[in-house]
Amino acid sequence: MNMSAYAYDQYQKTTVETMSPGKLLLMLYDGMIKYLRNAGEAINNQNISAAHDNIVAAQNILVELMATLNMDYKISESLLALYEFMYNQLVEANIKKDGQLITEVQELVIDLRQTWDQAIKSLGRTSGSQNSALKAVNISG
């Protein structure tokens, strides 16, 4: 690896490690949205390999989101059920290469992202601390 590539990798790592929990959560949702969009396009273009890779990438983000839930909070149970539903829908979409299932999951992720974005912004205005709202998802920067 050349020096500038190494420096860029280190910059990215530091950026993620120092990111606020709220921004990290939104970044994960953004990544899922991107992978799901790419998977849908790949299915439309009959690129089965690219569809599979993008669906698996979205599933990997869901696994990370499920693993970081703090089950001490009631909302975590609901989020876990929703994440499991989305994961199962993506398994089915990958088996059938069904773009409609991908679209349905993508719409759920977009709604979740918008909800968290609004909550984070609201907490930032009222309490100055985003960490308390994110304890249920246990994301740390």
N, C-alpha and C. Protein backbone atom coordinates (compact mmCIF):
# COMPACT_ATOMS: atom_id res chain seq x y z
N MET A 1 0.86 -1.17 0.00
CA MET A 1 0.00 0.00 0.00
C MET A 1 0.91 1.23 0.00
N ASN A 2 0.59 2.18 -0.89
CA ASN A 2 1.41 3.39 -0.92
C ASN A 2 1.05 4.31 0.25
N MET A 3 1.90 5.28 0.48
CA MET A 3 1.77 6.14 1.66
C MET A 3 0.47 6.94 1.67
N SER A 4 0.03 7.47 0.52
CA SER A 4 -1.20 8.27 0.52
C SER A 4 -2.42 7.38 0.75
N ALA A 5 -2.42 6.16 0.25
CA ALA A 5 -3.52 5.23 0.49
C ALA A 5 -3.58 4.87 1.98
N TYR A 6 -2.43 4.65 2.58
CA TYR A 6 -2.36 4.34 4.00
C TYR A 6 -2.89 5.52 4.83
N ALA A 7 -2.48 6.71 4.47
CA ALA A 7 -2.92 7.91 5.18
C ALA A 7 -4.43 8.06 5.08
N TYR A 8 -4.98 7.82 3.90
CA TYR A 8 -6.42 7.92 3.71
C TYR A 8 -7.16 6.88 4.55
N ASP A 9 -6.65 5.63 4.57
CA ASP A 9 -7.25 4.58 5.39
C ASP A 9 -7.24 4.96 6.86
N GLN A 10 -6.14 5.52 7.32
CA GLN A 10 -6.04 5.94 8.72
C GLN A 10 -7.01 7.08 9.02
N TYR A 11 -7.14 8.00 8.07
CA TYR A 11 -8.08 9.12 8.23
C TYR A 11 -9.50 8.59 8.36
N GLN A 12 -9.88 7.66 7.48
CA GLN A 12 -11.22 7.10 7.53
C GLN A 12 -11.46 6.38 8.86
N LYS A 13 -10.49 5.61 9.30
CA LYS A 13 -10.62 4.88 10.56
C LYS A 13 -10.81 5.86 11.72
N THR A 14 -10.01 6.89 11.76
CA THR A 14 -10.10 7.89 12.83
C THR A 14 -11.44 8.61 12.78
N THR A 15 -11.91 8.92 11.58
CA THR A 15 -13.19 9.60 11.42
C THR A 15 -14.32 8.77 12.02
N VAL A 16 -14.34 7.47 11.71
CA VAL A 16 -15.39 6.61 12.22
C VAL A 16 -15.27 6.44 13.73
N GLU A 17 -14.05 6.27 14.22
CA GLU A 17 -13.85 6.05 15.65
C GLU A 17 -14.21 7.27 16.50
N THR A 18 -14.13 8.47 15.93
CA THR A 18 -14.42 9.67 16.70
C THR A 18 -15.80 10.26 16.38
N MET A 19 -16.55 9.59 15.56
CA MET A 19 -17.87 10.06 15.15
C MET A 19 -18.86 9.89 16.31
N SER A 20 -19.79 10.81 16.41
CA SER A 20 -20.80 10.70 17.45
C SER A 20 -21.66 9.46 17.17
N PRO A 21 -22.24 8.88 18.23
CA PRO A 21 -23.09 7.70 18.03
C PRO A 21 -24.23 7.96 17.05
N GLY A 22 -24.82 9.13 17.10
CA GLY A 22 -25.91 9.46 16.18
C GLY A 22 -25.47 9.48 14.73
N LYS A 23 -24.35 10.12 14.49
CA LYS A 23 -23.84 10.18 13.11
C LYS A 23 -23.44 8.80 12.61
N LEU A 24 -22.89 7.98 13.49
CA LEU A 24 -22.51 6.63 13.10
C LEU A 24 -23.74 5.80 12.74
N LEU A 25 -24.79 5.92 13.53
CA LEU A 25 -26.03 5.21 13.24
C LEU A 25 -26.59 5.64 11.88
N LEU A 26 -26.63 6.95 11.64
CA LEU A 26 -27.13 7.45 10.35
C LEU A 26 -26.25 6.97 9.20
N MET A 27 -24.94 6.91 9.43
CA MET A 27 -24.03 6.42 8.40
C MET A 27 -24.31 4.95 8.06
N LEU A 28 -24.62 4.15 9.07
CA LEU A 28 -24.95 2.75 8.82
C LEU A 28 -26.25 2.64 8.01
N TYR A 29 -27.25 3.44 8.37
CA TYR A 29 -28.49 3.43 7.58
C TYR A 29 -28.22 3.90 6.15
N ASP A 30 -27.40 4.93 5.99
CA ASP A 30 -27.06 5.41 4.64
C ASP A 30 -26.39 4.31 3.83
N GLY A 31 -25.50 3.57 4.46
CA GLY A 31 -24.83 2.46 3.78
C GLY A 31 -25.83 1.41 3.34
N MET A 32 -26.77 1.07 4.22
CA MET A 32 -27.78 0.08 3.84
C MET A 32 -28.63 0.56 2.68
N ILE A 33 -29.01 1.82 2.72
CA ILE A 33 -29.82 2.38 1.63
C ILE A 33 -29.06 2.28 0.31
N LYS A 34 -27.78 2.62 0.34
CA LYS A 34 -26.95 2.56 -0.86
C LYS A 34 -26.86 1.13 -1.39
N TYR A 35 -26.57 0.18 -0.50
CA TYR A 35 -26.45 -1.22 -0.93
C TYR A 35 -27.77 -1.75 -1.48
N LEU A 36 -28.88 -1.39 -0.86
CA LEU A 36 -30.18 -1.85 -1.34
C LEU A 36 -30.52 -1.24 -2.69
N ARG A 37 -30.20 0.04 -2.87
CA ARG A 37 -30.41 0.67 -4.17
C ARG A 37 -29.58 -0.04 -5.24
N ASN A 38 -28.32 -0.30 -4.92
CA ASN A 38 -27.43 -1.00 -5.87
C ASN A 38 -27.93 -2.41 -6.17
N ALA A 39 -28.46 -3.09 -5.15
CA ALA A 39 -28.98 -4.45 -5.35
C ALA A 39 -30.18 -4.42 -6.28
N GLY A 40 -31.07 -3.46 -6.07
CA GLY A 40 -32.23 -3.35 -6.95
C GLY A 40 -31.85 -3.07 -8.39
N GLU A 41 -30.88 -2.18 -8.58
CA GLU A 41 -30.39 -1.88 -9.93
C GLU A 41 -29.74 -3.11 -10.55
N ALA A 42 -28.99 -3.85 -9.76
CA ALA A 42 -28.33 -5.05 -10.28
C ALA A 42 -29.36 -6.09 -10.70
N ILE A 43 -30.42 -6.23 -9.93
CA ILE A 43 -31.48 -7.18 -10.32
C ILE A 43 -32.12 -6.73 -11.62
N ASN A 44 -32.41 -5.43 -11.74
CA ASN A 44 -33.00 -4.92 -12.98
C ASN A 44 -32.10 -5.15 -14.18
N ASN A 45 -30.77 -5.11 -13.95
CA ASN A 45 -29.80 -5.33 -15.02
C ASN A 45 -29.40 -6.79 -15.15
N GLN A 46 -30.06 -7.65 -14.39
CA GLN A 46 -29.79 -9.09 -14.38
C GLN A 46 -28.34 -9.41 -14.05
N ASN A 47 -27.74 -8.60 -13.19
CA ASN A 47 -26.39 -8.85 -12.70
C ASN A 47 -26.53 -9.55 -11.34
N ILE A 48 -26.67 -10.85 -11.39
CA ILE A 48 -26.98 -11.66 -10.22
C ILE A 48 -25.88 -11.56 -9.16
N SER A 49 -24.64 -11.57 -9.59
CA SER A 49 -23.51 -11.52 -8.67
C SER A 49 -23.49 -10.19 -7.90
N ALA A 50 -23.67 -9.08 -8.60
CA ALA A 50 -23.68 -7.77 -7.94
C ALA A 50 -24.88 -7.65 -7.01
N ALA A 51 -26.03 -8.19 -7.43
CA ALA A 51 -27.22 -8.15 -6.57
C ALA A 51 -26.93 -8.90 -5.27
N HIS A 52 -26.37 -10.08 -5.40
CA HIS A 52 -26.04 -10.89 -4.21
C HIS A 52 -25.08 -10.14 -3.29
N ASP A 53 -24.01 -9.60 -3.85
CA ASP A 53 -23.00 -8.91 -3.04
C ASP A 53 -23.59 -7.72 -2.28
N ASN A 54 -24.46 -6.96 -2.94
CA ASN A 54 -25.05 -5.79 -2.30
C ASN A 54 -26.09 -6.17 -1.24
N ILE A 55 -26.84 -7.23 -1.50
CA ILE A 55 -27.80 -7.70 -0.49
C ILE A 55 -27.05 -8.19 0.74
N VAL A 56 -25.99 -8.95 0.53
CA VAL A 56 -25.19 -9.45 1.66
C VAL A 56 -24.58 -8.29 2.45
N ALA A 57 -24.12 -7.25 1.75
CA ALA A 57 -23.56 -6.09 2.44
C ALA A 57 -24.62 -5.42 3.32
N ALA A 58 -25.84 -5.30 2.82
CA ALA A 58 -26.93 -4.73 3.61
C ALA A 58 -27.25 -5.63 4.80
N GLN A 59 -27.24 -6.94 4.59
CA GLN A 59 -27.48 -7.88 5.69
C GLN A 59 -26.40 -7.76 6.76
N ASN A 60 -25.16 -7.56 6.34
CA ASN A 60 -24.07 -7.42 7.30
C ASN A 60 -24.28 -6.19 8.19
N ILE A 61 -24.78 -5.12 7.62
CA ILE A 61 -25.08 -3.93 8.43
C ILE A 61 -26.20 -4.24 9.41
N LEU A 62 -27.22 -4.96 8.96
CA LEU A 62 -28.30 -5.34 9.88
C LEU A 62 -27.78 -6.19 11.03
N VAL A 63 -26.88 -7.12 10.73
CA VAL A 63 -26.30 -7.96 11.79
C VAL A 63 -25.57 -7.08 12.80
N GLU A 64 -24.82 -6.10 12.32
CA GLU A 64 -24.11 -5.18 13.21
C GLU A 64 -25.10 -4.38 14.06
N LEU A 65 -26.18 -3.90 13.44
CA LEU A 65 -27.18 -3.15 14.19
C LEU A 65 -27.84 -4.03 15.26
N MET A 66 -28.13 -5.29 14.91
CA MET A 66 -28.73 -6.20 15.89
C MET A 66 -27.76 -6.49 17.04
N ALA A 67 -26.50 -6.67 16.71
CA ALA A 67 -25.49 -7.01 17.73
C ALA A 67 -25.26 -5.87 18.71
N THR A 68 -25.50 -4.64 18.28
CA THR A 68 -25.21 -3.51 19.15
C THR A 68 -26.42 -3.04 19.96
N LEU A 69 -27.57 -3.67 19.77
CA LEU A 69 -28.75 -3.27 20.55
C LEU A 69 -28.53 -3.55 22.03
N ASN A 70 -28.92 -2.59 22.84
CA ASN A 70 -28.88 -2.73 24.29
C ASN A 70 -30.27 -3.19 24.72
N MET A 71 -30.39 -4.45 25.06
CA MET A 71 -31.71 -5.02 25.32
C MET A 71 -32.29 -4.61 26.67
N ASP A 72 -31.63 -3.69 27.38
CA ASP A 72 -32.18 -3.15 28.63
C ASP A 72 -33.32 -2.17 28.36
N TYR A 73 -33.49 -1.78 27.11
CA TYR A 73 -34.51 -0.80 26.74
C TYR A 73 -35.61 -1.46 25.93
N LYS A 74 -36.85 -1.11 26.22
CA LYS A 74 -38.02 -1.70 25.55
C LYS A 74 -37.97 -1.49 24.04
N ILE A 75 -37.52 -0.33 23.60
CA ILE A 75 -37.48 -0.05 22.17
C ILE A 75 -36.55 -1.02 21.43
N SER A 76 -35.56 -1.54 22.14
CA SER A 76 -34.61 -2.47 21.52
C SER A 76 -35.30 -3.74 21.06
N GLU A 77 -36.30 -4.19 21.81
CA GLU A 77 -37.05 -5.39 21.41
C GLU A 77 -37.76 -5.15 20.08
N SER A 78 -38.36 -3.99 19.95
CA SER A 78 -39.05 -3.64 18.70
C SER A 78 -38.07 -3.50 17.54
N LEU A 79 -36.94 -2.85 17.81
CA LEU A 79 -35.93 -2.70 16.76
C LEU A 79 -35.38 -4.05 16.34
N LEU A 80 -35.14 -4.94 17.30
CA LEU A 80 -34.63 -6.26 16.98
C LEU A 80 -35.62 -7.01 16.08
N ALA A 81 -36.88 -6.95 16.43
CA ALA A 81 -37.90 -7.63 15.61
C ALA A 81 -37.94 -7.05 14.20
N LEU A 82 -37.83 -5.73 14.10
CA LEU A 82 -37.84 -5.09 12.79
C LEU A 82 -36.59 -5.46 11.99
N TYR A 83 -35.43 -5.42 12.64
CA TYR A 83 -34.19 -5.80 11.95
C TYR A 83 -34.24 -7.26 11.50
N GLU A 84 -34.77 -8.15 12.34
CA GLU A 84 -34.88 -9.56 11.95
C GLU A 84 -35.82 -9.72 10.77
N PHE A 85 -36.93 -9.00 10.78
CA PHE A 85 -37.86 -9.04 9.65
C PHE A 85 -37.17 -8.59 8.37
N MET A 86 -36.46 -7.47 8.44
CA MET A 86 -35.77 -6.96 7.25
C MET A 86 -34.71 -7.96 6.78
N TYR A 87 -33.98 -8.54 7.71
CA TYR A 87 -32.95 -9.53 7.35
C TYR A 87 -33.58 -10.71 6.61
N ASN A 88 -34.69 -11.23 7.16
CA ASN A 88 -35.37 -12.36 6.52
C ASN A 88 -35.92 -11.98 5.15
N GLN A 89 -36.41 -10.77 5.02
CA GLN A 89 -36.89 -10.31 3.71
C GLN A 89 -35.74 -10.27 2.70
N LEU A 90 -34.57 -9.85 3.17
CA LEU A 90 -33.41 -9.80 2.27
C LEU A 90 -32.91 -11.19 1.91
N VAL A 91 -33.01 -12.14 2.82
CA VAL A 91 -32.67 -13.53 2.48
C VAL A 91 -33.58 -13.99 1.35
N GLU A 92 -34.87 -13.76 1.52
CA GLU A 92 -35.85 -14.14 0.50
C GLU A 92 -35.59 -13.41 -0.83
N ALA A 93 -35.29 -12.12 -0.73
CA ALA A 93 -35.00 -11.34 -1.94
C ALA A 93 -33.77 -11.87 -2.66
N ASN A 94 -32.79 -12.29 -1.89
CA ASN A 94 -31.56 -12.81 -2.50
C ASN A 94 -31.80 -14.16 -3.17
N ILE A 95 -32.60 -14.99 -2.54
CA ILE A 95 -32.91 -16.30 -3.14
C ILE A 95 -33.69 -16.12 -4.43
N LYS A 96 -34.70 -15.27 -4.40
CA LYS A 96 -35.59 -15.08 -5.55
C LYS A 96 -35.14 -13.98 -6.50
N LYS A 97 -34.14 -13.19 -6.08
CA LYS A 97 -33.72 -11.99 -6.82
C LYS A 97 -34.96 -11.13 -7.10
N ASP A 98 -35.66 -10.82 -6.00
CA ASP A 98 -36.92 -10.10 -6.02
C ASP A 98 -36.69 -8.63 -5.65
N GLY A 99 -36.76 -7.77 -6.64
CA GLY A 99 -36.54 -6.35 -6.44
C GLY A 99 -37.60 -5.70 -5.58
N GLN A 100 -38.83 -6.23 -5.58
CA GLN A 100 -39.91 -5.66 -4.78
C GLN A 100 -39.62 -5.82 -3.29
N LEU A 101 -39.10 -6.96 -2.89
CA LEU A 101 -38.74 -7.17 -1.48
C LEU A 101 -37.63 -6.21 -1.06
N ILE A 102 -36.69 -5.99 -1.94
CA ILE A 102 -35.60 -5.05 -1.65
C ILE A 102 -36.15 -3.65 -1.47
N THR A 103 -37.07 -3.26 -2.34
CA THR A 103 -37.68 -1.93 -2.25
C THR A 103 -38.43 -1.77 -0.93
N GLU A 104 -39.15 -2.80 -0.50
CA GLU A 104 -39.89 -2.74 0.75
C GLU A 104 -38.94 -2.54 1.94
N VAL A 105 -37.83 -3.28 1.94
CA VAL A 105 -36.86 -3.13 3.03
C VAL A 105 -36.23 -1.74 2.96
N GLN A 106 -35.91 -1.29 1.76
CA GLN A 106 -35.30 0.03 1.60
C GLN A 106 -36.22 1.12 2.15
N GLU A 107 -37.51 1.02 1.90
CA GLU A 107 -38.45 2.00 2.42
C GLU A 107 -38.47 2.00 3.95
N LEU A 108 -38.38 0.83 4.56
CA LEU A 108 -38.32 0.74 6.02
C LEU A 108 -37.06 1.40 6.55
N VAL A 109 -35.94 1.15 5.89
CA VAL A 109 -34.67 1.74 6.33
C VAL A 109 -34.70 3.26 6.19
N ILE A 110 -35.26 3.74 5.10
CA ILE A 110 -35.37 5.19 4.90
C ILE A 110 -36.21 5.80 6.01
N ASP A 111 -37.34 5.16 6.35
CA ASP A 111 -38.19 5.67 7.43
C ASP A 111 -37.44 5.67 8.77
N LEU A 112 -36.72 4.59 9.06
CA LEU A 112 -35.93 4.53 10.29
C LEU A 112 -34.89 5.63 10.33
N ARG A 113 -34.20 5.81 9.22
CA ARG A 113 -33.15 6.84 9.16
C ARG A 113 -33.73 8.22 9.42
N GLN A 114 -34.87 8.51 8.80
CA GLN A 114 -35.51 9.82 8.99
C GLN A 114 -35.94 10.00 10.44
N THR A 115 -36.48 8.96 11.05
CA THR A 115 -36.91 9.04 12.43
C THR A 115 -35.74 9.30 13.36
N TRP A 116 -34.65 8.54 13.19
CA TRP A 116 -33.47 8.75 14.03
C TRP A 116 -32.85 10.12 13.79
N ASP A 117 -32.82 10.56 12.54
CA ASP A 117 -32.26 11.87 12.23
C ASP A 117 -33.03 12.96 12.96
N GLN A 118 -34.36 12.88 12.92
CA GLN A 118 -35.18 13.86 13.62
C GLN A 118 -34.97 13.80 15.12
N ALA A 119 -34.89 12.58 15.67
CA ALA A 119 -34.69 12.43 17.12
C ALA A 119 -33.34 13.00 17.54
N ILE A 120 -32.32 12.73 16.77
CA ILE A 120 -30.97 13.23 17.09
C ILE A 120 -30.94 14.75 17.04
N LYS A 121 -31.55 15.31 16.01
CA LYS A 121 -31.59 16.77 15.89
C LYS A 121 -32.38 17.39 17.03
N SER A 122 -33.50 16.77 17.38
CA SER A 122 -34.33 17.28 18.47
C SER A 122 -33.58 17.23 19.79
N LEU A 123 -32.89 16.14 20.07
CA LEU A 123 -32.13 16.01 21.30
C LEU A 123 -30.97 16.99 21.33
N GLY A 124 -30.38 17.22 20.19
CA GLY A 124 -29.26 18.16 20.12
C GLY A 124 -29.71 19.57 20.47
N ARG A 125 -30.95 19.91 20.11
CA ARG A 125 -31.48 21.26 20.41
C ARG A 125 -31.92 21.38 21.86
N THR A 126 -32.43 20.28 22.43
CA THR A 126 -33.02 20.39 23.77
C THR A 126 -32.05 20.06 24.89
N SER A 127 -31.25 19.02 24.72
CA SER A 127 -30.43 18.61 25.86
C SER A 127 -28.94 18.74 25.61
N GLY A 128 -28.57 18.88 24.36
CA GLY A 128 -27.15 18.98 24.05
C GLY A 128 -26.44 17.64 24.08
N SER A 129 -27.16 16.57 24.37
CA SER A 129 -26.52 15.25 24.44
C SER A 129 -27.29 14.26 23.59
N GLN A 130 -26.59 13.68 22.62
CA GLN A 130 -27.21 12.67 21.77
C GLN A 130 -27.08 11.29 22.39
N ASN A 131 -26.14 11.09 23.28
CA ASN A 131 -25.86 9.76 23.81
C ASN A 131 -27.05 9.15 24.51
N SER A 132 -27.84 9.92 25.24
CA SER A 132 -28.95 9.34 25.98
C SER A 132 -29.99 8.72 25.05
N ALA A 133 -30.23 9.31 23.91
CA ALA A 133 -31.21 8.76 22.97
C ALA A 133 -30.70 7.51 22.29
N LEU A 134 -29.41 7.34 22.27
CA LEU A 134 -28.83 6.23 21.52
C LEU A 134 -28.40 5.06 22.40
N LYS A 135 -28.72 5.12 23.68
CA LYS A 135 -28.34 4.02 24.57
C LYS A 135 -28.97 2.71 24.14
N ALA A 136 -30.17 2.77 23.60
CA ALA A 136 -30.87 1.54 23.19
C ALA A 136 -30.15 0.87 22.03
N VAL A 137 -29.58 1.66 21.14
CA VAL A 137 -28.89 1.05 20.00
C VAL A 137 -27.42 0.80 20.29
N ASN A 138 -26.92 1.35 21.40
CA ASN A 138 -25.58 1.04 21.90
C ASN A 138 -24.49 1.23 20.84
N ILE A 139 -24.65 2.23 20.00
CA ILE A 139 -23.64 2.58 18.99
C ILE A 139 -22.67 3.52 19.65
N SER A 140 -21.40 3.25 19.50
CA SER A 140 -20.40 4.18 20.06
C SER A 140 -19.43 4.59 18.99
N GLY A 141 -19.06 5.85 19.02
CA GLY A 141 -18.13 6.40 18.04
C GLY A 141 -16.72 6.09 18.37
